[in-house]
Amino acid sequence: MSWERLGVRWLAYGETTFLFQADSAAEDVSGDATADELALMKKHAEYFAELFNLGKVVLYGPVRSSAGAFGIAILEVEIEAQAMEIAQNDPSVVGGLNRFDMAPIRVSAARARG
């Protein structure tokens, strides 16, 4: 059965929407960040705030789950290479503090936050 038959319409921008997930590159994350790590995380936050202001990030922030803490962002870009460039230029990735995973999202529906 197709999604269209179920009344779901794929949004045109769905093929340029990506999930970015940042995980600590450290094997053991004790929660005791060094001054250098805190500085990298500040740059990481500023980087995503700027991307948000430019309209390339829909939402971003830390996630605290029973499996541990990580960060996510939903990226809206013109082509996949732009999403990879954003991820690879994240100061926390460049600095070796975080590694990332990226996956395309086929957007079924979205709601504006009001």
Foldseek 3Di string as FASTA:
>chain_A
DDVVVVVFDFDPQQQQKKKKKKDFPDPDDPPDDDPVLVVLVVQLVVLVVVCVVVVQWPDKDWDQDPVGIIIITIGGDDDPVVVVVSQCPRSCVVVRGIHMDMDGGRDRDDDDDD
